[in-house]
């Protein structure tokens, strides 16, 4: 497990615990912004992982939004 994997899991768990979907989306965008120069420099392994992390953060944000929407409309 690489250091960026550990940072991703810590970030994802923090967002899940805090239930902040905007932060998750922001982290996903930051991951994509960091990945672009790495793709340009042909550092494909790290850039590819960053795109996976971005997708993970976006998925976490969507799930949090769906759960919040469900509980708001339930009551």
PDB file of N, CA and C in Angstrom:
ATOM      1  N   UNK A   1       0.846  -1.163   0.000  1.00  0.00           N
ATOM      2  CA  UNK A   1       0.000   0.000   0.000  1.00  0.00           C
ATOM      3  C   UNK A   1       0.902   1.240   0.000  1.00  0.00           C
ATOM      4  N   UNK A   2       0.634   2.132  -0.901  1.00  0.00           N
ATOM      5  CA  UNK A   2       1.456   3.321  -1.074  1.00  0.00           C
ATOM      6  C   UNK A   2       0.936   4.461  -0.201  1.00  0.00           C
ATOM      7  N   UNK A   3       1.777   5.465   0.048  1.00  0.00           N
ATOM      8  CA  UNK A   3       1.351   6.586   0.897  1.00  0.00           C
ATOM      9  C   UNK A   3       0.113   7.309   0.362  1.00  0.00           C
ATOM     10  N   UNK A   4      -0.004   7.430  -0.969  1.00  0.00           N
ATOM     11  CA  UNK A   4      -1.183   8.112  -1.507  1.00  0.00           C
ATOM     12  C   UNK A   4      -2.448   7.289  -1.275  1.00  0.00           C
ATOM     13  N   UNK A   5      -2.329   5.967  -1.217  1.00  0.00           N
ATOM     14  CA  UNK A   5      -3.483   5.131  -0.894  1.00  0.00           C
ATOM     15  C   UNK A   5      -3.955   5.391   0.534  1.00  0.00           C
ATOM     16  N   UNK A   6      -2.998   5.478   1.434  1.00  0.00           N
ATOM     17  CA  UNK A   6      -3.327   5.733   2.831  1.00  0.00           C
ATOM     18  C   UNK A   6      -3.980   7.110   2.979  1.00  0.00           C
ATOM     19  N   UNK A   7      -3.437   8.104   2.272  1.00  0.00           N
ATOM     20  CA  UNK A   7      -4.017   9.452   2.325  1.00  0.00           C
ATOM     21  C   UNK A   7      -5.437   9.445   1.760  1.00  0.00           C
ATOM     22  N   UNK A   8      -5.669   8.688   0.692  1.00  0.00           N
ATOM     23  CA  UNK A   8      -7.017   8.611   0.124  1.00  0.00           C
ATOM     24  C   UNK A   8      -7.997   8.001   1.120  1.00  0.00           C
ATOM     25  N   UNK A   9      -7.624   6.893   1.741  1.00  0.00           N
ATOM     26  CA  UNK A   9      -8.525   6.241   2.690  1.00  0.00           C
ATOM     27  C   UNK A   9      -8.790   7.117   3.911  1.00  0.00           C
ATOM     28  N   UNK A  10      -7.781   7.800   4.393  1.00  0.00           N
ATOM     29  CA  UNK A  10      -7.983   8.704   5.521  1.00  0.00           C
ATOM     30  C   UNK A  10      -8.913   9.846   5.125  1.00  0.00           C
ATOM     31  N   UNK A  11      -8.685  10.417   3.937  1.00  0.00           N
ATOM     32  CA  UNK A  11      -9.545  11.498   3.456  1.00  0.00           C
ATOM     33  C   UNK A  11     -10.979  11.039   3.242  1.00  0.00           C
ATOM     34  N   UNK A  12     -11.152   9.869   2.651  1.00  0.00           N
ATOM     35  CA  UNK A  12     -12.496   9.349   2.404  1.00  0.00           C
ATOM     36  C   UNK A  12     -13.215   9.055   3.723  1.00  0.00           C
ATOM     37  N   UNK A  13     -12.516   8.464   4.668  1.00  0.00           N
ATOM     38  CA  UNK A  13     -13.140   8.188   5.963  1.00  0.00           C
ATOM     39  C   UNK A  13     -13.492   9.474   6.697  1.00  0.00           C
ATOM     40  N   UNK A  14     -12.631  10.479   6.606  1.00  0.00           N
ATOM     41  CA  UNK A  14     -12.919  11.756   7.259  1.00  0.00           C
ATOM     42  C   UNK A  14     -14.162  12.399   6.655  1.00  0.00           C
ATOM     43  N   UNK A  15     -14.274  12.337   5.339  1.00  0.00           N
ATOM     44  CA  UNK A  15     -15.450  12.927   4.678  1.00  0.00           C
ATOM     45  C   UNK A  15     -16.717  12.168   5.052  1.00  0.00           C
ATOM     46  N   UNK A  16     -16.620  10.849   5.123  1.00  0.00           N
ATOM     47  CA  UNK A  16     -17.780  10.030   5.487  1.00  0.00           C
ATOM     48  C   UNK A  16     -18.208  10.323   6.922  1.00  0.00           C
ATOM     49  N   UNK A  17     -17.235  10.409   7.825  1.00  0.00           N
ATOM     50  CA  UNK A  17     -17.554  10.676   9.229  1.00  0.00           C
ATOM     51  C   UNK A  17     -18.155  12.072   9.383  1.00  0.00           C
ATOM     52  N   UNK A  18     -17.594  13.056   8.685  1.00  0.00           N
ATOM     53  CA  UNK A  18     -18.096  14.429   8.783  1.00  0.00           C
ATOM     54  C   UNK A  18     -19.382  14.643   7.987  1.00  0.00           C
ATOM     55  N   UNK A  19     -19.665  13.738   7.054  1.00  0.00           N
ATOM     56  CA  UNK A  19     -20.841  13.828   6.175  1.00  0.00           C
ATOM     57  C   UNK A  19     -20.866  15.154   5.418  1.00  0.00           C
ATOM     58  N   UNK A  20     -19.749  15.462   4.789  1.00  0.00           N
ATOM     59  CA  UNK A  20     -19.603  16.701   4.021  1.00  0.00           C
ATOM     60  C   UNK A  20     -19.388  16.360   2.550  1.00  0.00           C
ATOM     61  N   UNK A  21     -20.449  16.289   1.761  1.00  0.00           N
ATOM     62  CA  UNK A  21     -20.289  15.924   0.353  1.00  0.00           C
ATOM     63  C   UNK A  21     -19.558  16.981  -0.465  1.00  0.00           C
ATOM     64  N   UNK A  22     -19.657  18.250  -0.077  1.00  0.00           N
ATOM     65  CA  UNK A  22     -18.949  19.294  -0.820  1.00  0.00           C
ATOM     66  C   UNK A  22     -17.438  19.141  -0.681  1.00  0.00           C
ATOM     67  N   UNK A  23     -16.989  18.731   0.491  1.00  0.00           N
ATOM     68  CA  UNK A  23     -15.561  18.500   0.687  1.00  0.00           C
ATOM     69  C   UNK A  23     -15.111  17.305  -0.151  1.00  0.00           C
ATOM     70  N   UNK A  24     -15.936  16.262  -0.226  1.00  0.00           N
ATOM     71  CA  UNK A  24     -15.596  15.097  -1.041  1.00  0.00           C
ATOM     72  C   UNK A  24     -15.472  15.488  -2.509  1.00  0.00           C
ATOM     73  N   UNK A  25     -16.410  16.293  -2.998  1.00  0.00           N
ATOM     74  CA  UNK A  25     -16.348  16.741  -4.394  1.00  0.00           C
ATOM     75  C   UNK A  25     -15.118  17.614  -4.619  1.00  0.00           C
ATOM     76  N   UNK A  26     -14.797  18.469  -3.657  1.00  0.00           N
ATOM     77  CA  UNK A  26     -13.616  19.317  -3.770  1.00  0.00           C
ATOM     78  C   UNK A  26     -12.339  18.479  -3.808  1.00  0.00           C
ATOM     79  N   UNK A  27     -12.251  17.471  -2.961  1.00  0.00           N
ATOM     80  CA  UNK A  27     -11.086  16.588  -2.979  1.00  0.00           C
ATOM     81  C   UNK A  27     -10.979  15.837  -4.303  1.00  0.00           C
ATOM     82  N   UNK A  28     -12.116  15.453  -4.875  1.00  0.00           N
ATOM     83  CA  UNK A  28     -12.108  14.814  -6.180  1.00  0.00           C
ATOM     84  C   UNK A  28     -11.585  15.747  -7.256  1.00  0.00           C
ATOM     85  N   UNK A  29     -12.026  17.003  -7.225  1.00  0.00           N
ATOM     86  CA  UNK A  29     -11.532  17.983  -8.198  1.00  0.00           C
ATOM     87  C   UNK A  29     -10.040  18.247  -8.019  1.00  0.00           C
ATOM     88  N   UNK A  30      -9.592  18.338  -6.779  1.00  0.00           N
ATOM     89  CA  UNK A  30      -8.166  18.546  -6.516  1.00  0.00           C
ATOM     90  C   UNK A  30      -7.358  17.372  -7.045  1.00  0.00           C
ATOM     91  N   UNK A  31      -7.852  16.157  -6.867  1.00  0.00           N
ATOM     92  CA  UNK A  31      -7.160  14.979  -7.385  1.00  0.00           C
ATOM     93  C   UNK A  31      -7.031  15.049  -8.900  1.00  0.00           C
ATOM     94  N   UNK A  32      -8.089  15.476  -9.577  1.00  0.00           N
ATOM     95  CA  UNK A  32      -8.027  15.592 -11.037  1.00  0.00           C
ATOM     96  C   UNK A  32      -7.074  16.705 -11.466  1.00  0.00           C
ATOM     97  N   UNK A  33      -7.074  17.818 -10.752  1.00  0.00           N
ATOM     98  CA  UNK A  33      -6.174  18.925 -11.089  1.00  0.00           C
ATOM     99  C   UNK A  33      -4.716  18.504 -10.919  1.00  0.00           C
ATOM    100  N   UNK A  34      -4.430  17.742  -9.883  1.00  0.00           N
ATOM    101  CA  UNK A  34      -3.065  17.260  -9.676  1.00  0.00           C
ATOM    102  C   UNK A  34      -2.690  16.226 -10.734  1.00  0.00           C
ATOM    103  N   UNK A  35      -3.650  15.448 -11.201  1.00  0.00           N
ATOM    104  CA  UNK A  35      -3.365  14.388 -12.173  1.00  0.00           C
ATOM    105  C   UNK A  35      -3.013  14.931 -13.548  1.00  0.00           C
ATOM    106  N   UNK A  36      -3.558  16.063 -13.938  1.00  0.00           N
ATOM    107  CA  UNK A  36      -3.341  16.589 -15.289  1.00  0.00           C
ATOM    108  C   UNK A  36      -1.855  16.830 -15.588  1.00  0.00           C
ATOM    109  N   UNK A  37      -1.109  17.538 -14.730  1.00  0.00           N
ATOM    110  CA  UNK A  37       0.323  17.719 -15.043  1.00  0.00           C
ATOM    111  C   UNK A  37       1.104  16.403 -15.024  1.00  0.00           C
ATOM    112  N   UNK A  38       0.665  15.463 -14.202  1.00  0.00           N
ATOM    113  CA  UNK A  38       1.360  14.178 -14.175  1.00  0.00           C
ATOM    114  C   UNK A  38       1.151  13.414 -15.479  1.00  0.00           C
ATOM    115  N   UNK A  39      -0.051  13.495 -16.049  1.00  0.00           N
ATOM    116  CA  UNK A  39      -0.271  12.896 -17.355  1.00  0.00           C
ATOM    117  C   UNK A  39       0.599  13.579 -18.409  1.00  0.00           C
ATOM    118  N   UNK A  40       0.746  14.892 -18.317  1.00  0.00           N
ATOM    119  CA  UNK A  40       1.559  15.630 -19.282  1.00  0.00           C
ATOM    120  C   UNK A  40       3.030  15.239 -19.191  1.00  0.00           C
ATOM    121  N   UNK A  41       3.475  14.888 -17.982  1.00  0.00           N
ATOM    122  CA  UNK A  41       4.873  14.474 -17.791  1.00  0.00           C
ATOM    123  C   UNK A  41       5.058  12.963 -17.953  1.00  0.00           C
ATOM    124  N   UNK A  42       4.031  12.283 -18.381  1.00  0.00           N
ATOM    125  CA  UNK A  42       4.056  10.833 -18.632  1.00  0.00           C
ATOM    126  C   UNK A  42       4.298  10.015 -17.357  1.00  0.00           C
ATOM    127  N   UNK A  43       3.798  10.496 -16.239  1.00  0.00           N
ATOM    128  CA  UNK A  43       3.841   9.750 -14.975  1.00  0.00           C
ATOM    129  C   UNK A  43       2.473   9.083 -14.838  1.00  0.00           C
ATOM    130  N   UNK A  44       2.271   8.055 -15.659  1.00  0.00           N
ATOM    131  CA  UNK A  44       0.934   7.494 -15.799  1.00  0.00           C
ATOM    132  C   UNK A  44       0.440   6.751 -14.565  1.00  0.00           C
ATOM    133  N   UNK A  45       1.319   6.054 -13.874  1.00  0.00           N
ATOM    134  CA  UNK A  45       0.872   5.244 -12.742  1.00  0.00           C
ATOM    135  C   UNK A  45       0.234   6.111 -11.667  1.00  0.00           C
ATOM    136  N   UNK A  46       0.928   7.157 -11.249  1.00  0.00           N
ATOM    137  CA  UNK A  46       0.402   8.023 -10.194  1.00  0.00           C
ATOM    138  C   UNK A  46      -0.808   8.812 -10.690  1.00  0.00           C
ATOM    139  N   UNK A  47      -0.747   9.305 -11.930  1.00  0.00           N
ATOM    140  CA  UNK A  47      -1.869  10.079 -12.473  1.00  0.00           C
ATOM    141  C   UNK A  47      -3.117   9.208 -12.591  1.00  0.00           C
ATOM    142  N   UNK A  48      -2.933   7.960 -12.998  1.00  0.00           N
ATOM    143  CA  UNK A  48      -4.082   7.056 -13.110  1.00  0.00           C
ATOM    144  C   UNK A  48      -4.700   6.795 -11.747  1.00  0.00           C
ATOM    145  N   UNK A  49      -3.866   6.602 -10.744  1.00  0.00           N
ATOM    146  CA  UNK A  49      -4.388   6.385  -9.394  1.00  0.00           C
ATOM    147  C   UNK A  49      -5.131   7.617  -8.894  1.00  0.00           C
ATOM    148  N   UNK A  50      -4.633   8.798  -9.218  1.00  0.00           N
ATOM    149  CA  UNK A  50      -5.314  10.021  -8.800  1.00  0.00           C
ATOM    150  C   UNK A  50      -6.688  10.137  -9.448  1.00  0.00           C
ATOM    151  N   UNK A  51      -6.830   9.672 -10.684  1.00  0.00           N
ATOM    152  CA  UNK A  51      -8.157   9.695 -11.311  1.00  0.00           C
ATOM    153  C   UNK A  51      -9.079   8.690 -10.626  1.00  0.00           C
ATOM    154  N   UNK A  52      -8.523   7.561 -10.197  1.00  0.00           N
ATOM    155  CA  UNK A  52      -9.333   6.598  -9.438  1.00  0.00           C
ATOM    156  C   UNK A  52      -9.772   7.199  -8.103  1.00  0.00           C
ATOM    157  N   UNK A  53      -8.858   7.915  -7.440  1.00  0.00           N
ATOM    158  CA  UNK A  53      -9.209   8.555  -6.177  1.00  0.00           C
ATOM    159  C   UNK A  53     -10.294   9.605  -6.389  1.00  0.00           C
ATOM    160  N   UNK A  54     -10.185  10.361  -7.471  1.00  0.00           N
ATOM    161  CA  UNK A  54     -11.209  11.370  -7.788  1.00  0.00           C
ATOM    162  C   UNK A  54     -12.562  10.699  -7.963  1.00  0.00           C
ATOM    163  N   UNK A  55     -12.584   9.586  -8.690  1.00  0.00           N
ATOM    164  CA  UNK A  55     -13.847   8.863  -8.879  1.00  0.00           C
ATOM    165  C   UNK A  55     -14.379   8.373  -7.535  1.00  0.00           C
ATOM    166  N   UNK A  56     -13.489   7.919  -6.666  1.00  0.00           N
ATOM    167  CA  UNK A  56     -13.904   7.474  -5.334  1.00  0.00           C
ATOM    168  C   UNK A  56     -14.495   8.603  -4.513  1.00  0.00           C
ATOM    169  N   UNK A  57     -13.852   9.764  -4.547  1.00  0.00           N
ATOM    170  CA  UNK A  57     -14.382  10.911  -3.809  1.00  0.00           C
ATOM    171  C   UNK A  57     -15.734  11.349  -4.371  1.00  0.00           C
ATOM    172  N   UNK A  58     -15.869  11.340  -5.708  1.00  0.00           N
ATOM    173  CA  UNK A  58     -17.153  11.705  -6.300  1.00  0.00           C
ATOM    174  C   UNK A  58     -18.229  10.695  -5.904  1.00  0.00           C
ATOM    175  N   UNK A  59     -17.878   9.422  -5.859  1.00  0.00           N
ATOM    176  CA  UNK A  59     -18.836   8.398  -5.449  1.00  0.00           C
ATOM    177  C   UNK A  59     -19.262   8.604  -3.999  1.00  0.00           C
ATOM    178  N   UNK A  60     -18.309   8.916  -3.127  1.00  0.00           N
ATOM    179  CA  UNK A  60     -18.628   9.188  -1.724  1.00  0.00           C
ATOM    180  C   UNK A  60     -19.562  10.392  -1.621  1.00  0.00           C
ATOM    181  N   UNK A  61     -19.281  11.442  -2.393  1.00  0.00           N
ATOM    182  CA  UNK A  61     -20.136  12.630  -2.371  1.00  0.00           C
ATOM    183  C   UNK A  61     -21.551  12.296  -2.828  1.00  0.00           C
ATOM    184  N   UNK A  62     -21.678  11.512  -3.884  1.00  0.00           N
ATOM    185  CA  UNK A  62     -23.004  11.132  -4.385  1.00  0.00           C
ATOM    186  C   UNK A  62     -23.759  10.315  -3.352  1.00  0.00           C
ATOM    187  N   UNK A  63     -23.089   9.390  -2.717  1.00  0.00           N
ATOM    188  CA  UNK A  63     -23.750   8.557  -1.711  1.00  0.00           C
ATOM    189  C   UNK A  63     -24.211   9.401  -0.530  1.00  0.00           C
ATOM    190  N   UNK A  64     -23.353  10.322  -0.075  1.00  0.00           N
ATOM    191  CA  UNK A  64     -23.747  11.187   1.043  1.00  0.00           C
ATOM    192  C   UNK A  64     -24.940  12.049   0.658  1.00  0.00           C
ATOM    193  N   UNK A  65     -24.918  12.620  -0.561  1.00  0.00           N
ATOM    194  CA  UNK A  65     -26.059  13.419  -1.020  1.00  0.00           C
ATOM    195  C   UNK A  65     -27.335  12.580  -1.072  1.00  0.00           C
ATOM    196  N   UNK A  66     -27.235  11.350  -1.546  1.00  0.00           N
ATOM    197  CA  UNK A  66     -28.417  10.488  -1.649  1.00  0.00           C
ATOM    198  C   UNK A  66     -28.966  10.150  -0.265  1.00  0.00           C
ATOM    199  N   UNK A  67     -28.106   9.864   0.674  1.00  0.00           N
ATOM    200  CA  UNK A  67     -28.553   9.543   2.033  1.00  0.00           C
ATOM    201  C   UNK A  67     -29.208  10.765   2.671  1.00  0.00           C
ATOM    202  N   UNK A  68     -28.587  11.939   2.507  1.00  0.00           N
ATOM    203  CA  UNK A  68     -29.179  13.151   3.070  1.00  0.00           C
ATOM    204  C   UNK A  68     -30.529  13.449   2.425  1.00  0.00           C
ATOM    205  N   UNK A  69     -30.633  13.278   1.123  1.00  0.00           N
ATOM    206  CA  UNK A  69     -31.892  13.518   0.415  1.00  0.00           C
ATOM    207  C   UNK A  69     -32.970  12.556   0.899  1.00  0.00           C
ATOM    208  N   UNK A  70     -32.592  11.282   1.124  1.00  0.00           N
ATOM    209  CA  UNK A  70     -33.540  10.285   1.581  1.00  0.00           C
ATOM    210  C   UNK A  70     -34.091  10.655   2.954  1.00  0.00           C
ATOM    211  N   UNK A  71     -33.199  11.051   3.883  1.00  0.00           N
ATOM    212  CA  UNK A  71     -33.667  11.380   5.212  1.00  0.00           C
ATOM    213  C   UNK A  71     -34.433  12.695   5.278  1.00  0.00           C
ATOM    214  N   UNK A  72     -34.116  13.649   4.403  1.00  0.00           N
ATOM    215  CA  UNK A  72     -34.871  14.904   4.380  1.00  0.00           C
ATOM    216  C   UNK A  72     -36.295  14.687   3.850  1.00  0.00           C
ATOM    217  N   UNK A  73     -36.460  13.836   2.880  1.00  0.00           N
ATOM    218  CA  UNK A  73     -37.771  13.608   2.296  1.00  0.00           C
ATOM    219  C   UNK A  73     -38.572  12.540   3.026  1.00  0.00           C
ATOM    220  N   UNK A  74     -37.948  11.840   3.924  1.00  0.00           N
ATOM    221  CA  UNK A  74     -38.637  10.788   4.678  1.00  0.00           C
ATOM    222  C   UNK A  74     -39.509  11.364   5.791  1.00  0.00           C
ATOM    223  N   UNK A  75     -39.074  12.445   6.364  1.00  0.00           N
ATOM    224  CA  UNK A  75     -39.790  12.999   7.512  1.00  0.00           C
ATOM    225  C   UNK A  75     -40.695  14.106   7.101  1.00  0.00           C
TER     226      UNK A  75
END
